[in-house]
Amino acid sequence: MVVIAVFVIHHLETGLLRPFVMGRTVRLPALVVLLSIALGTLVDGVVGAALAVPLTAVAWSVIQLWLPRPGRIGDPAHGL
């Protein structure tokens, strides 16, 4: 019974809690963190999983800079 409880808690922590906490740390949605870890694992195993979140955070930051947001200085919707 204890082994089952440990197994369930471990999978809940790995599958739900860790992506949520890591997402808050690097300011990424938890689903993006979870998908990047899964994709990194498929591409390059443990090394890919370790590098997936930092690379995704960099890519996410670049995408956020490229996307127009209302109120940003220089944005045509802002009116200079």
C-alpha atoms as a PDB file:
ATOM      1  CA  MET A   1       0.000   0.000   0.000  1.00  0.00           C
ATOM      2  CA  VAL A   2       2.841   2.387   0.850  1.00  0.00           C
ATOM      3  CA  VAL A   3       4.599   1.600  -2.421  1.00  0.00           C
ATOM      4  CA  ILE A   4       1.448   2.489  -4.356  1.00  0.00           C
ATOM      5  CA  ALA A   5       1.102   5.781  -2.462  1.00  0.00           C
ATOM      6  CA  VAL A   6       4.731   6.697  -3.154  1.00  0.00           C
ATOM      7  CA  PHE A   7       4.287   5.783  -6.816  1.00  0.00           C
ATOM      8  CA  VAL A   8       1.152   7.934  -7.162  1.00  0.00           C
ATOM      9  CA  ILE A   9       2.673  10.904  -5.318  1.00  0.00           C
ATOM     10  CA  HIS A  10       5.827  10.699  -7.419  1.00  0.00           C
ATOM     11  CA  HIS A  11       3.877  10.730 -10.673  1.00  0.00           C
ATOM     12  CA  LEU A  12       1.652  13.591  -9.537  1.00  0.00           C
ATOM     13  CA  GLU A  13       4.698  15.613  -8.534  1.00  0.00           C
ATOM     14  CA  THR A  14       6.571  14.838 -11.748  1.00  0.00           C
ATOM     15  CA  GLY A  15       3.650  15.281 -14.112  1.00  0.00           C
ATOM     16  CA  LEU A  16       1.777  18.199 -12.570  1.00  0.00           C
ATOM     17  CA  LEU A  17       3.623  20.016  -9.829  1.00  0.00           C
ATOM     18  CA  ARG A  18       7.094  20.239 -11.367  1.00  0.00           C
ATOM     19  CA  PRO A  19       5.953  21.798 -14.690  1.00  0.00           C
ATOM     20  CA  PHE A  20       3.773  24.266 -12.784  1.00  0.00           C
ATOM     21  CA  VAL A  21       6.585  25.384 -10.453  1.00  0.00           C
ATOM     22  CA  MET A  22       9.171  25.480 -13.240  1.00  0.00           C
ATOM     23  CA  GLY A  23       6.749  27.430 -15.421  1.00  0.00           C
ATOM     24  CA  ARG A  24       6.331  30.061 -12.733  1.00  0.00           C
ATOM     25  CA  THR A  25      10.084  30.258 -12.287  1.00  0.00           C
ATOM     26  CA  VAL A  26      10.824  30.905 -15.974  1.00  0.00           C
ATOM     27  CA  ARG A  27       7.441  32.577 -16.616  1.00  0.00           C
ATOM     28  CA  LEU A  28       6.152  29.963 -19.035  1.00  0.00           C
ATOM     29  CA  PRO A  29       2.735  28.299 -19.005  1.00  0.00           C
ATOM     30  CA  ALA A  30       2.871  24.871 -17.360  1.00  0.00           C
ATOM     31  CA  LEU A  31       1.631  23.186 -20.533  1.00  0.00           C
ATOM     32  CA  VAL A  32       4.505  24.722 -22.508  1.00  0.00           C
ATOM     33  CA  VAL A  33       6.991  23.434 -19.907  1.00  0.00           C
ATOM     34  CA  LEU A  34       5.453  19.963 -19.966  1.00  0.00           C
ATOM     35  CA  LEU A  35       5.458  19.796 -23.763  1.00  0.00           C
ATOM     36  CA  SER A  36       9.017  21.111 -24.026  1.00  0.00           C
ATOM     37  CA  ILE A  37      10.291  18.507 -21.551  1.00  0.00           C
ATOM     38  CA  ALA A  38       8.458  15.756 -23.437  1.00  0.00           C
ATOM     39  CA  LEU A  39       9.793  16.933 -26.797  1.00  0.00           C
ATOM     40  CA  GLY A  40      13.320  17.365 -25.417  1.00  0.00           C
ATOM     41  CA  THR A  41      13.204  13.835 -24.036  1.00  0.00           C
ATOM     42  CA  LEU A  42      12.084  12.444 -27.385  1.00  0.00           C
ATOM     43  CA  VAL A  43      14.760  14.345 -29.292  1.00  0.00           C
ATOM     44  CA  ASP A  44      17.789  13.795 -27.072  1.00  0.00           C
ATOM     45  CA  GLY A  45      16.872  11.829 -23.960  1.00  0.00           C
ATOM     46  CA  VAL A  46      17.950  13.152 -20.562  1.00  0.00           C
ATOM     47  CA  VAL A  47      20.175  15.872 -22.016  1.00  0.00           C
ATOM     48  CA  GLY A  48      17.304  17.072 -24.199  1.00  0.00           C
ATOM     49  CA  ALA A  49      14.962  17.147 -21.220  1.00  0.00           C
ATOM     50  CA  ALA A  50      17.494  19.165 -19.208  1.00  0.00           C
ATOM     51  CA  LEU A  51      18.011  21.703 -21.999  1.00  0.00           C
ATOM     52  CA  ALA A  52      14.399  21.889 -23.177  1.00  0.00           C
ATOM     53  CA  VAL A  53      13.032  24.379 -20.644  1.00  0.00           C
ATOM     54  CA  PRO A  54      15.883  26.920 -20.830  1.00  0.00           C
ATOM     55  CA  LEU A  55      15.812  26.831 -24.644  1.00  0.00           C
ATOM     56  CA  THR A  56      12.039  27.151 -24.636  1.00  0.00           C
ATOM     57  CA  ALA A  57      12.245  30.104 -22.231  1.00  0.00           C
ATOM     58  CA  VAL A  58      14.642  31.892 -24.579  1.00  0.00           C
ATOM     59  CA  ALA A  59      12.445  31.151 -27.593  1.00  0.00           C
ATOM     60  CA  TRP A  60       9.339  32.277 -25.670  1.00  0.00           C
ATOM     61  CA  SER A  61      11.026  35.581 -24.768  1.00  0.00           C
ATOM     62  CA  VAL A  62      11.984  36.225 -28.391  1.00  0.00           C
ATOM     63  CA  ILE A  63       8.447  35.429 -29.552  1.00  0.00           C
ATOM     64  CA  GLN A  64       7.007  37.771 -26.929  1.00  0.00           C
ATOM     65  CA  LEU A  65       9.253  40.561 -28.198  1.00  0.00           C
ATOM     66  CA  TRP A  66       8.137  40.005 -31.786  1.00  0.00           C
ATOM     67  CA  LEU A  67       4.406  39.881 -31.069  1.00  0.00           C
ATOM     68  CA  PRO A  68       2.725  43.284 -31.105  1.00  0.00           C
ATOM     69  CA  ARG A  69       1.072  44.262 -27.845  1.00  0.00           C
ATOM     70  CA  PRO A  70      -1.216  47.257 -27.457  1.00  0.00           C
ATOM     71  CA  GLY A  71       0.383  49.981 -25.388  1.00  0.00           C
ATOM     72  CA  ARG A  72       3.962  49.187 -26.322  1.00  0.00           C
ATOM     73  CA  ILE A  73       5.888  52.302 -27.360  1.00  0.00           C
ATOM     74  CA  GLY A  74       6.402  52.345 -31.103  1.00  0.00           C
ATOM     75  CA  ASP A  75       3.381  50.123 -31.670  1.00  0.00           C
ATOM     76  CA  PRO A  76       1.086  51.539 -34.388  1.00  0.00           C
ATOM     77  CA  ALA A  77      -1.917  50.949 -32.107  1.00  0.00           C
ATOM     78  CA  HIS A  78      -0.236  53.060 -29.412  1.00  0.00           C
ATOM     79  CA  GLY A  79      -0.069  56.178 -31.550  1.00  0.00           C
ATOM     80  CA  LEU A  80       3.598  56.871 -30.886  1.00  0.00           C
END
